[in-house]
Amino acid sequence: MIRSLSLENRQDRLVGFIVTMFFYFWASYVFRNLPDTPPVAAHFILGTFLAVCGAWMCTIFYKVSIHAVAMGGLVSFAILFSRQDVYTSGLYLTIPILIAGIVCSSRLILGAHNRFEMVSGFLVGVIAQMVSWLI
């Protein structure tokens, strides 16, 4: 069903996104309905599901960076989590931003994506996490 494990062709990515969407939808449903699940975990899983859905929609038109989607979700989650936690330190924000910078820079240096694909992927991740916290 796919030509290469590196998923360089955007059509190859569509099947993987569909499988991943089903998994994260199921995980989100389970986390929301378990009585002892912390709301933060349920929000994060729902945000991940929404990020995969957004990346899938973008992939229909162009090759979005899945790494950037994940990093946008990580940074956005760290910001939203730090606003709720009483014991917030600068590490909540510094470490995810540092990791996101390293990952996104490496994708650009390797030539796997251009700036538009990186920025749009990052924004998909940020928006998905923000929407999940509003729901």
C-alpha atoms as a PDB file:
ATOM      1  CA  MET A   1       0.000   0.000   0.000  1.00  0.00           C
ATOM      2  CA  ILE A   2       3.005   2.316   0.435  1.00  0.00           C
ATOM      3  CA  ARG A   3       6.143   2.695  -1.666  1.00  0.00           C
ATOM      4  CA  SER A   4       8.635   3.522   1.101  1.00  0.00           C
ATOM      5  CA  LEU A   5       8.790   3.531   4.896  1.00  0.00           C
ATOM      6  CA  SER A   6       9.969   7.152   4.851  1.00  0.00           C
ATOM      7  CA  LEU A   7       6.569   8.173   3.381  1.00  0.00           C
ATOM      8  CA  GLU A   8       8.057  10.713   0.996  1.00  0.00           C
ATOM      9  CA  ASN A   9       4.989  10.649  -1.237  1.00  0.00           C
ATOM     10  CA  ARG A  10       1.985  12.416   0.252  1.00  0.00           C
ATOM     11  CA  GLN A  11      -0.461   9.794  -1.099  1.00  0.00           C
ATOM     12  CA  ASP A  12       1.379   7.148   0.923  1.00  0.00           C
ATOM     13  CA  ARG A  13       0.718   9.134   4.081  1.00  0.00           C
ATOM     14  CA  LEU A  14      -3.072   9.146   3.738  1.00  0.00           C
ATOM     15  CA  VAL A  15      -3.524   5.464   4.654  1.00  0.00           C
ATOM     16  CA  GLY A  16      -1.320   5.814   7.726  1.00  0.00           C
ATOM     17  CA  PHE A  17      -3.258   8.862   8.857  1.00  0.00           C
ATOM     18  CA  ILE A  18      -6.573   7.015   8.633  1.00  0.00           C
ATOM     19  CA  VAL A  19      -5.279   4.146  10.787  1.00  0.00           C
ATOM     20  CA  THR A  20      -3.783   6.599  13.281  1.00  0.00           C
ATOM     21  CA  MET A  21      -7.017   8.623  13.434  1.00  0.00           C
ATOM     22  CA  PHE A  22      -9.001   5.525  14.395  1.00  0.00           C
ATOM     23  CA  PHE A  23      -6.500   4.684  17.142  1.00  0.00           C
ATOM     24  CA  TYR A  24      -6.490   8.179  18.645  1.00  0.00           C
ATOM     25  CA  PHE A  25     -10.282   8.471  18.384  1.00  0.00           C
ATOM     26  CA  TRP A  26     -10.619   5.219  20.313  1.00  0.00           C
ATOM     27  CA  ALA A  27      -7.992   6.297  22.877  1.00  0.00           C
ATOM     28  CA  SER A  28      -9.708   9.663  23.312  1.00  0.00           C
ATOM     29  CA  TYR A  29     -13.073   7.989  23.828  1.00  0.00           C
ATOM     30  CA  VAL A  30     -11.648   5.584  26.406  1.00  0.00           C
ATOM     31  CA  PHE A  31      -9.766   8.320  28.303  1.00  0.00           C
ATOM     32  CA  ARG A  32     -12.841  10.552  28.441  1.00  0.00           C
ATOM     33  CA  ASN A  33     -15.023   7.767  29.848  1.00  0.00           C
ATOM     34  CA  LEU A  34     -12.639   6.347  32.453  1.00  0.00           C
ATOM     35  CA  PRO A  35     -13.563   7.755  35.868  1.00  0.00           C
ATOM     36  CA  ASP A  36     -10.024   8.192  37.210  1.00  0.00           C
ATOM     37  CA  THR A  37      -8.452   9.788  34.146  1.00  0.00           C
ATOM     38  CA  PRO A  38      -6.979  13.233  34.827  1.00  0.00           C
ATOM     39  CA  PRO A  39      -8.611  15.861  32.602  1.00  0.00           C
ATOM     40  CA  VAL A  40      -5.165  16.932  31.378  1.00  0.00           C
ATOM     41  CA  ALA A  41      -4.545  13.473  29.887  1.00  0.00           C
ATOM     42  CA  ALA A  42      -7.957  13.431  28.213  1.00  0.00           C
ATOM     43  CA  HIS A  43      -7.307  16.873  26.702  1.00  0.00           C
ATOM     44  CA  PHE A  44      -3.902  15.813  25.423  1.00  0.00           C
ATOM     45  CA  ILE A  45      -5.218  12.652  23.723  1.00  0.00           C
ATOM     46  CA  LEU A  46      -8.119  14.559  22.176  1.00  0.00           C
ATOM     47  CA  GLY A  47      -5.680  17.204  20.948  1.00  0.00           C
ATOM     48  CA  THR A  48      -3.533  14.488  19.414  1.00  0.00           C
ATOM     49  CA  PHE A  49      -6.568  13.074  17.607  1.00  0.00           C
ATOM     50  CA  LEU A  50      -7.471  16.538  16.294  1.00  0.00           C
ATOM     51  CA  ALA A  51      -3.864  17.119  15.210  1.00  0.00           C
ATOM     52  CA  VAL A  52      -3.832  13.901  13.194  1.00  0.00           C
ATOM     53  CA  CYS A  53      -7.162  14.872  11.600  1.00  0.00           C
ATOM     54  CA  GLY A  54      -5.784  18.305  10.711  1.00  0.00           C
ATOM     55  CA  ALA A  55      -2.576  16.827   9.308  1.00  0.00           C
ATOM     56  CA  TRP A  56      -4.608  14.374   7.236  1.00  0.00           C
ATOM     57  CA  MET A  57      -6.676  17.201   5.772  1.00  0.00           C
ATOM     58  CA  CYS A  58      -3.549  19.190   4.939  1.00  0.00           C
ATOM     59  CA  THR A  59      -1.923  16.137   3.362  1.00  0.00           C
ATOM     60  CA  ILE A  60      -4.747  15.939   0.855  1.00  0.00           C
ATOM     61  CA  PHE A  61      -3.424  19.188  -0.652  1.00  0.00           C
ATOM     62  CA  TYR A  62       0.302  19.254   0.218  1.00  0.00           C
ATOM     63  CA  LYS A  63       2.965  17.377   2.206  1.00  0.00           C
ATOM     64  CA  VAL A  64       2.669  18.767   5.729  1.00  0.00           C
ATOM     65  CA  SER A  65       5.427  18.030   8.251  1.00  0.00           C
ATOM     66  CA  ILE A  66       4.147  15.468  10.730  1.00  0.00           C
ATOM     67  CA  HIS A  67       7.148  16.193  12.965  1.00  0.00           C
ATOM     68  CA  ALA A  68       6.144  19.864  13.089  1.00  0.00           C
ATOM     69  CA  VAL A  69       2.544  18.909  13.917  1.00  0.00           C
ATOM     70  CA  ALA A  70       3.801  16.900  16.886  1.00  0.00           C
ATOM     71  CA  MET A  71       6.106  19.701  18.041  1.00  0.00           C
ATOM     72  CA  GLY A  72       3.353  22.315  17.729  1.00  0.00           C
ATOM     73  CA  GLY A  73       1.112  20.107  19.848  1.00  0.00           C
ATOM     74  CA  LEU A  74       3.877  19.611  22.410  1.00  0.00           C
ATOM     75  CA  VAL A  75       4.620  23.330  22.774  1.00  0.00           C
ATOM     76  CA  SER A  76       0.941  24.264  22.879  1.00  0.00           C
ATOM     77  CA  PHE A  77       0.207  21.599  25.483  1.00  0.00           C
ATOM     78  CA  ALA A  78       3.119  22.800  27.612  1.00  0.00           C
ATOM     79  CA  ILE A  79       1.835  26.374  27.488  1.00  0.00           C
ATOM     80  CA  LEU A  80      -1.745  25.368  28.313  1.00  0.00           C
ATOM     81  CA  PHE A  81      -0.610  23.014  31.083  1.00  0.00           C
ATOM     82  CA  SER A  82       1.665  25.622  32.623  1.00  0.00           C
ATOM     83  CA  ARG A  83      -1.242  28.049  32.876  1.00  0.00           C
ATOM     84  CA  GLN A  84      -3.173  25.575  35.044  1.00  0.00           C
ATOM     85  CA  ASP A  85      -0.403  24.223  37.247  1.00  0.00           C
ATOM     86  CA  VAL A  86       0.319  26.108  40.460  1.00  0.00           C
ATOM     87  CA  TYR A  87       3.912  24.869  40.607  1.00  0.00           C
ATOM     88  CA  THR A  88       4.888  26.010  37.118  1.00  0.00           C
ATOM     89  CA  SER A  89       8.534  26.589  36.417  1.00  0.00           C
ATOM     90  CA  GLY A  90      10.320  27.797  33.328  1.00  0.00           C
ATOM     91  CA  LEU A  91      11.280  24.217  32.482  1.00  0.00           C
ATOM     92  CA  TYR A  92       7.682  23.475  31.458  1.00  0.00           C
ATOM     93  CA  LEU A  93       8.126  25.841  28.562  1.00  0.00           C
ATOM     94  CA  THR A  94      11.878  25.829  27.936  1.00  0.00           C
ATOM     95  CA  ILE A  95      12.348  22.119  27.330  1.00  0.00           C
ATOM     96  CA  PRO A  96       9.449  21.656  24.846  1.00  0.00           C
ATOM     97  CA  ILE A  97      10.475  24.786  22.923  1.00  0.00           C
ATOM     98  CA  LEU A  98      14.076  23.563  22.789  1.00  0.00           C
ATOM     99  CA  ILE A  99      12.996  20.115  21.576  1.00  0.00           C
ATOM    100  CA  ALA A 100      10.656  21.656  18.980  1.00  0.00           C
ATOM    101  CA  GLY A 101      13.428  23.902  17.712  1.00  0.00           C
ATOM    102  CA  ILE A 102      15.847  20.997  17.337  1.00  0.00           C
ATOM    103  CA  VAL A 103      13.338  18.745  15.585  1.00  0.00           C
ATOM    104  CA  CYS A 104      11.992  21.389  13.201  1.00  0.00           C
ATOM    105  CA  SER A 105      15.472  22.703  12.395  1.00  0.00           C
ATOM    106  CA  SER A 106      16.708  19.209  11.633  1.00  0.00           C
ATOM    107  CA  ARG A 107      13.830  18.615   9.207  1.00  0.00           C
ATOM    108  CA  LEU A 108      14.689  21.833   7.391  1.00  0.00           C
ATOM    109  CA  ILE A 109      18.428  21.069   7.330  1.00  0.00           C
ATOM    110  CA  LEU A 110      17.780  17.571   5.963  1.00  0.00           C
ATOM    111  CA  GLY A 111      15.652  19.082   3.199  1.00  0.00           C
ATOM    112  CA  ALA A 112      12.662  16.915   4.082  1.00  0.00           C
ATOM    113  CA  HIS A 113      10.327  19.933   4.126  1.00  0.00           C
ATOM    114  CA  ASN A 114      10.219  23.592   3.203  1.00  0.00           C
ATOM    115  CA  ARG A 115       9.290  26.434   5.552  1.00  0.00           C
ATOM    116  CA  PHE A 116       5.633  26.488   4.565  1.00  0.00           C
ATOM    117  CA  GLU A 117       5.228  22.782   5.355  1.00  0.00           C
ATOM    118  CA  MET A 118       6.978  23.245   8.688  1.00  0.00           C
ATOM    119  CA  VAL A 119       5.084  26.351   9.785  1.00  0.00           C
ATOM    120  CA  SER A 120       1.701  25.026   8.692  1.00  0.00           C
ATOM    121  CA  GLY A 121       2.380  21.730  10.470  1.00  0.00           C
ATOM    122  CA  PHE A 122       3.380  23.549  13.644  1.00  0.00           C
ATOM    123  CA  LEU A 123       0.201  25.637  13.499  1.00  0.00           C
ATOM    124  CA  VAL A 124      -1.957  22.530  12.999  1.00  0.00           C
ATOM    125  CA  GLY A 125      -0.500  21.067  16.205  1.00  0.00           C
ATOM    126  CA  VAL A 126      -0.967  24.299  18.155  1.00  0.00           C
ATOM    127  CA  ILE A 127      -4.552  24.801  17.001  1.00  0.00           C
ATOM    128  CA  ALA A 128      -5.481  21.173  17.683  1.00  0.00           C
ATOM    129  CA  GLN A 129      -4.304  21.329  21.295  1.00  0.00           C
ATOM    130  CA  MET A 130      -5.999  24.691  21.853  1.00  0.00           C
ATOM    131  CA  VAL A 131      -9.307  23.389  20.503  1.00  0.00           C
ATOM    132  CA  SER A 132      -9.086  20.284  22.680  1.00  0.00           C
ATOM    133  CA  TRP A 133      -8.724  22.447  25.801  1.00  0.00           C
ATOM    134  CA  LEU A 134     -11.763  24.492  24.804  1.00  0.00           C
ATOM    135  CA  ILE A 135     -13.981  21.410  24.356  1.00  0.00           C
END
